[in-house]
């Protein structure tokens, strides 16, 4: 068994690592950005696949990875973990439908609430202690899921028709434009930016470049919030216009 994941600010990476270690003890993980991930998938029969949910939908980078590697999924047994700040509806179902289309057997799905990473929108911001409690609850849920999976009782969150309706009418119909294409409105405050290059190196889409003493964005943002959360001068915003909190998993579990 291996874990394959995409994680912007560390929430999803923690969840899949926590679960896989409890299932087989090894915790062997590969990011979709890892050059070794294709070879690892080809060699593995069972896969735990994890990602954050944006607006009850897949991050564009995750959808593209699944679709562009359609031949990899034939005959694979896949368990899906979807992390979210508040609500996902059929977060696991969004990838499950693709995996089934490409010949995989979806064993189950699990929805895990984690601290919200959208730090330029005030709505879902919580205190440090509240976020620590959210992580504690997430780990307890992962523990219970691992025990069930070990005896063949896979959780099925996000996979049935009612979950699908919940995700569709809860968010996706209204915000599909946010995730159907790559995001194009990432912003930088040139008065704050010190051209450190950290955001350039962290971006999974290679969407950011430093040219002529300024940052440029290439209209291919997957809204993972890495650049936002790691900018030392809080110079970058994505959906909102103000930095309320730079959210990283390591803030709560150093």
Protein backbone atom coordinates (compact mmCIF):
# COMPACT_ATOMS: atom_id res chain seq x y z
CA UNK A 1 0.00 0.00 0.00
CA UNK A 2 1.15 3.53 -0.77
CA UNK A 3 -0.26 7.00 -0.18
CA UNK A 4 -0.58 9.45 -3.05
CA UNK A 5 -1.57 12.99 -2.24
CA UNK A 6 -1.65 16.66 -3.02
CA UNK A 7 -1.31 19.08 -0.14
CA UNK A 8 -1.08 22.85 -0.20
CA UNK A 9 -0.41 23.82 3.41
CA UNK A 10 0.28 20.42 5.00
CA UNK A 11 -3.18 19.42 6.24
CA UNK A 12 -3.75 16.66 3.70
CA UNK A 13 -0.18 15.37 3.92
CA UNK A 14 -0.57 14.93 7.67
CA UNK A 15 -3.88 13.09 7.32
CA UNK A 16 -2.69 10.59 4.72
CA UNK A 17 0.59 9.98 6.53
CA UNK A 18 -1.28 9.40 9.79
CA UNK A 19 -3.70 6.95 8.16
CA UNK A 20 -1.22 4.99 6.04
CA UNK A 21 1.11 4.46 8.99
CA UNK A 22 -1.76 2.95 10.95
CA UNK A 23 -2.74 0.70 8.08
CA UNK A 24 0.61 -0.82 7.14
CA UNK A 25 3.23 0.74 9.41
CA UNK A 26 5.38 2.15 6.62
CA UNK A 27 3.69 5.40 5.73
CA UNK A 28 5.18 5.37 2.21
CA UNK A 29 3.94 8.56 0.55
CA UNK A 30 4.27 10.20 -2.84
CA UNK A 31 3.07 13.66 -3.77
CA UNK A 32 1.50 14.03 -7.21
CA UNK A 33 4.41 16.43 -7.78
CA UNK A 34 7.00 13.70 -7.12
CA UNK A 35 8.79 12.42 -10.21
CA UNK A 36 8.68 8.90 -8.71
CA UNK A 37 4.91 8.82 -8.19
CA UNK A 38 4.01 7.23 -11.56
CA UNK A 39 6.40 4.32 -11.04
CA UNK A 40 5.12 3.83 -7.49
CA UNK A 41 1.47 3.71 -8.63
CA UNK A 42 2.29 1.18 -11.35
CA UNK A 43 3.92 -1.08 -8.73
CA UNK A 44 1.12 -0.84 -6.15
CA UNK A 45 -2.20 -2.63 -6.05
CA UNK A 46 -3.67 -0.63 -3.15
CA UNK A 47 -3.55 3.16 -2.96
CA UNK A 48 -4.77 5.72 -0.45
CA UNK A 49 -5.37 8.88 -2.48
CA UNK A 50 -5.78 12.19 -0.63
CA UNK A 51 -6.41 15.82 -1.50
CA UNK A 52 -8.06 18.98 -0.15
CA UNK A 53 -11.52 19.93 -1.38
CA UNK A 54 -12.10 23.40 -2.84
CA UNK A 55 -15.71 24.57 -3.21
CA UNK A 56 -16.91 20.92 -3.06
CA UNK A 57 -14.65 20.06 -5.97
CA UNK A 58 -11.21 18.72 -6.84
CA UNK A 59 -8.25 21.07 -7.03
CA UNK A 60 -7.44 21.48 -10.73
CA UNK A 61 -3.98 19.98 -10.26
CA UNK A 62 -5.53 16.81 -8.81
CA UNK A 63 -8.15 16.45 -11.55
CA UNK A 64 -5.47 16.90 -14.21
CA UNK A 65 -3.24 14.31 -12.54
CA UNK A 66 -6.01 11.71 -12.51
CA UNK A 67 -7.16 12.43 -16.07
CA UNK A 68 -3.69 12.74 -17.61
CA UNK A 69 -2.69 9.38 -16.10
CA UNK A 70 -5.93 7.56 -16.85
CA UNK A 71 -4.16 4.31 -17.82
CA UNK A 72 -2.62 3.99 -14.34
CA UNK A 73 -5.86 3.35 -12.48
CA UNK A 74 -7.05 0.20 -14.25
CA UNK A 75 -7.52 -2.54 -11.63
CA UNK A 76 -6.21 -0.47 -8.69
CA UNK A 77 -7.93 -0.57 -5.31
CA UNK A 78 -8.28 3.00 -4.11
CA UNK A 79 -9.38 4.50 -0.82
CA UNK A 80 -9.99 8.26 -0.95
CA UNK A 81 -9.35 10.83 1.77
CA UNK A 82 -10.76 14.33 1.23
CA UNK A 83 -9.84 17.13 3.63
CA UNK A 84 -11.85 20.31 4.02
CA UNK A 85 -12.19 23.47 6.09
CA UNK A 86 -15.94 23.17 6.62
CA UNK A 87 -18.00 21.35 4.00
CA UNK A 88 -17.37 19.11 1.00
CA UNK A 89 -20.58 17.24 0.18
CA UNK A 90 -19.20 14.59 -2.15
CA UNK A 91 -15.54 15.58 -1.88
CA UNK A 92 -14.42 11.96 -2.10
CA UNK A 93 -16.98 11.25 -4.79
CA UNK A 94 -15.48 13.84 -7.15
CA UNK A 95 -12.38 11.70 -7.67
CA UNK A 96 -14.20 8.39 -7.20
CA UNK A 97 -16.26 8.98 -10.33
CA UNK A 98 -13.08 9.56 -12.33
CA UNK A 99 -11.26 6.56 -10.87
CA UNK A 100 -14.20 4.27 -11.66
CA UNK A 101 -14.33 5.65 -15.20
CA UNK A 102 -10.72 4.61 -15.64
CA UNK A 103 -11.18 1.10 -14.28
CA UNK A 104 -10.26 1.42 -10.60
CA UNK A 105 -12.15 -0.18 -7.74
CA UNK A 106 -12.99 2.50 -5.18
CA UNK A 107 -12.94 0.83 -1.78
CA UNK A 108 -14.32 3.77 0.21
CA UNK A 109 -14.03 7.42 1.13
CA UNK A 110 -13.35 9.53 4.19
CA UNK A 111 -13.98 13.23 4.84
CA UNK A 112 -11.69 14.91 7.35
CA UNK A 113 -12.19 18.43 8.67
CA UNK A 114 -8.93 20.32 9.14
CA UNK A 115 -7.99 23.97 9.87
CA UNK A 116 -9.10 26.19 7.01
CA UNK A 117 -6.20 27.31 4.80
CA UNK A 118 -7.90 30.19 2.99
CA UNK A 119 -6.25 32.87 5.03
CA UNK A 120 -7.42 35.91 3.06
CA UNK A 121 -11.13 35.30 3.78
CA UNK A 122 -12.21 35.98 7.36
CA UNK A 123 -15.29 33.74 7.39
CA UNK A 124 -13.75 30.47 8.54
CA UNK A 125 -10.91 31.76 10.71
CA UNK A 126 -10.60 30.12 14.13
CA UNK A 127 -8.34 30.51 17.14
CA UNK A 128 -5.16 28.51 17.64
CA UNK A 129 -6.79 26.34 20.32
CA UNK A 130 -9.85 25.71 18.15
CA UNK A 131 -7.65 24.59 15.28
CA UNK A 132 -5.68 22.27 17.57
CA UNK A 133 -8.96 20.67 18.65
CA UNK A 134 -9.96 20.24 15.01
CA UNK A 135 -6.73 18.32 14.40
CA UNK A 136 -7.26 16.19 17.52
CA UNK A 137 -10.74 15.28 16.25
CA UNK A 138 -9.34 14.52 12.80
CA UNK A 139 -6.76 12.14 14.23
CA UNK A 140 -9.40 10.34 16.28
CA UNK A 141 -11.51 9.91 13.16
CA UNK A 142 -8.50 8.59 11.25
CA UNK A 143 -7.79 6.11 14.06
CA UNK A 144 -11.35 4.79 13.89
CA UNK A 145 -11.21 4.60 10.10
CA UNK A 146 -7.96 2.63 10.21
CA UNK A 147 -9.46 0.07 12.59
CA UNK A 148 -12.48 -0.39 10.32
CA UNK A 149 -10.39 -0.68 7.18
CA UNK A 150 -8.21 -3.36 8.78
CA UNK A 151 -11.28 -5.60 9.11
CA UNK A 152 -12.62 -4.75 5.66
CA UNK A 153 -15.27 -2.23 6.73
CA UNK A 154 -14.34 0.74 4.58
CA UNK A 155 -16.01 4.10 5.35
CA UNK A 156 -18.09 5.29 2.39
CA UNK A 157 -18.27 9.04 2.98
CA UNK A 158 -18.89 11.18 -0.09
CA UNK A 159 -19.69 8.31 -2.41
CA UNK A 160 -23.45 7.87 -2.64
CA UNK A 161 -26.12 9.81 -4.52
CA UNK A 162 -27.16 11.93 -1.54
CA UNK A 163 -23.58 13.09 -0.96
CA UNK A 164 -23.46 13.96 -4.65
CA UNK A 165 -26.56 16.12 -4.38
CA UNK A 166 -25.16 17.78 -1.26
CA UNK A 167 -21.93 18.77 -2.98
CA UNK A 168 -23.66 19.82 -6.18
CA UNK A 169 -26.29 22.05 -4.63
CA UNK A 170 -24.27 23.01 -1.56
CA UNK A 171 -21.44 24.69 -3.47
CA UNK A 172 -20.42 23.28 -6.83
CA UNK A 173 -23.23 24.70 -8.95
CA UNK A 174 -22.47 28.19 -7.67
CA UNK A 175 -18.68 28.07 -7.56
CA UNK A 176 -17.73 25.65 -10.34
CA UNK A 177 -15.94 28.43 -12.19
CA UNK A 178 -13.53 28.66 -9.26
CA UNK A 179 -12.14 25.16 -9.85
CA UNK A 180 -13.03 24.21 -13.43
CA UNK A 181 -10.07 26.19 -14.71
CA UNK A 182 -6.87 27.36 -13.12
CA UNK A 183 -7.20 30.56 -11.12
CA UNK A 184 -5.94 33.76 -12.74
CA UNK A 185 -6.29 36.51 -10.13
CA UNK A 186 -3.42 35.93 -7.70
CA UNK A 187 -2.12 39.30 -6.49
CA UNK A 188 1.11 40.64 -5.00
CA UNK A 189 1.67 43.88 -3.12
CA UNK A 190 4.84 45.19 -4.75
CA UNK A 191 5.46 47.51 -1.80
CA UNK A 192 5.75 44.50 0.53
CA UNK A 193 7.42 41.98 -1.78
CA UNK A 194 11.18 41.58 -1.17
CA UNK A 195 11.86 39.25 -4.13
CA UNK A 196 13.02 36.43 -1.86
CA UNK A 197 11.96 33.79 -4.38
CA UNK A 198 10.32 31.50 -1.83
CA UNK A 199 6.94 31.54 -3.56
CA UNK A 200 8.59 30.79 -6.89
CA UNK A 201 10.23 27.65 -5.52
CA UNK A 202 7.13 26.44 -3.63
CA UNK A 203 4.50 26.79 -6.35
CA UNK A 204 3.42 23.32 -7.58
CA UNK A 205 2.31 24.77 -10.91
CA UNK A 206 5.48 26.78 -11.60
CA UNK A 207 3.02 29.63 -11.93
CA UNK A 208 5.20 32.33 -10.38
CA UNK A 209 8.29 33.96 -11.86
CA UNK A 210 10.55 36.75 -10.73
CA UNK A 211 11.28 39.04 -13.64
CA UNK A 212 12.67 42.57 -13.80
CA UNK A 213 12.49 42.98 -10.01
CA UNK A 214 8.83 41.99 -9.80
CA UNK A 215 6.72 38.87 -9.50
CA UNK A 216 4.64 37.70 -12.43
CA UNK A 217 1.86 35.10 -12.40
CA UNK A 218 1.16 32.86 -15.39
CA UNK A 219 -2.60 32.35 -14.87
CA UNK A 220 -2.22 28.75 -13.71
CA UNK A 221 -2.90 28.93 -9.96
CA UNK A 222 -4.46 25.83 -8.36
CA UNK A 223 -5.37 27.78 -5.17
CA UNK A 224 -3.24 25.65 -2.86
CA UNK A 225 -2.26 28.72 -0.77
CA UNK A 226 1.41 27.71 -0.44
CA UNK A 227 2.72 31.04 -1.69
CA UNK A 228 0.26 32.94 0.47
CA UNK A 229 0.99 30.95 3.63
CA UNK A 230 4.78 31.08 3.32
CA UNK A 231 5.37 34.65 2.16
CA UNK A 232 7.57 36.26 4.86
CA UNK A 233 6.11 39.72 4.16
CA UNK A 234 2.45 38.71 3.67
CA UNK A 235 2.59 40.25 0.22
CA UNK A 236 0.41 37.74 -1.65
CA UNK A 237 -3.37 37.37 -1.71
CA UNK A 238 -5.45 34.97 -3.78
CA UNK A 239 -9.22 34.96 -3.31
CA UNK A 240 -9.44 37.84 -0.83
CA UNK A 241 -7.67 41.18 -0.48
CA UNK A 242 -6.27 41.01 3.06
CA UNK A 243 -4.06 38.58 4.97
CA UNK A 244 -5.93 37.47 8.09
CA UNK A 245 -3.86 34.39 8.88
CA UNK A 246 -1.10 32.42 7.20
CA UNK A 247 -2.28 28.87 7.71
CA UNK A 248 0.16 25.96 7.78
CA UNK A 249 -0.18 22.62 9.50
CA UNK A 250 3.20 23.09 11.17
CA UNK A 251 1.75 26.05 13.08
CA UNK A 252 -0.31 23.57 15.13
CA UNK A 253 1.95 20.50 15.15
CA UNK A 254 5.61 21.73 15.05
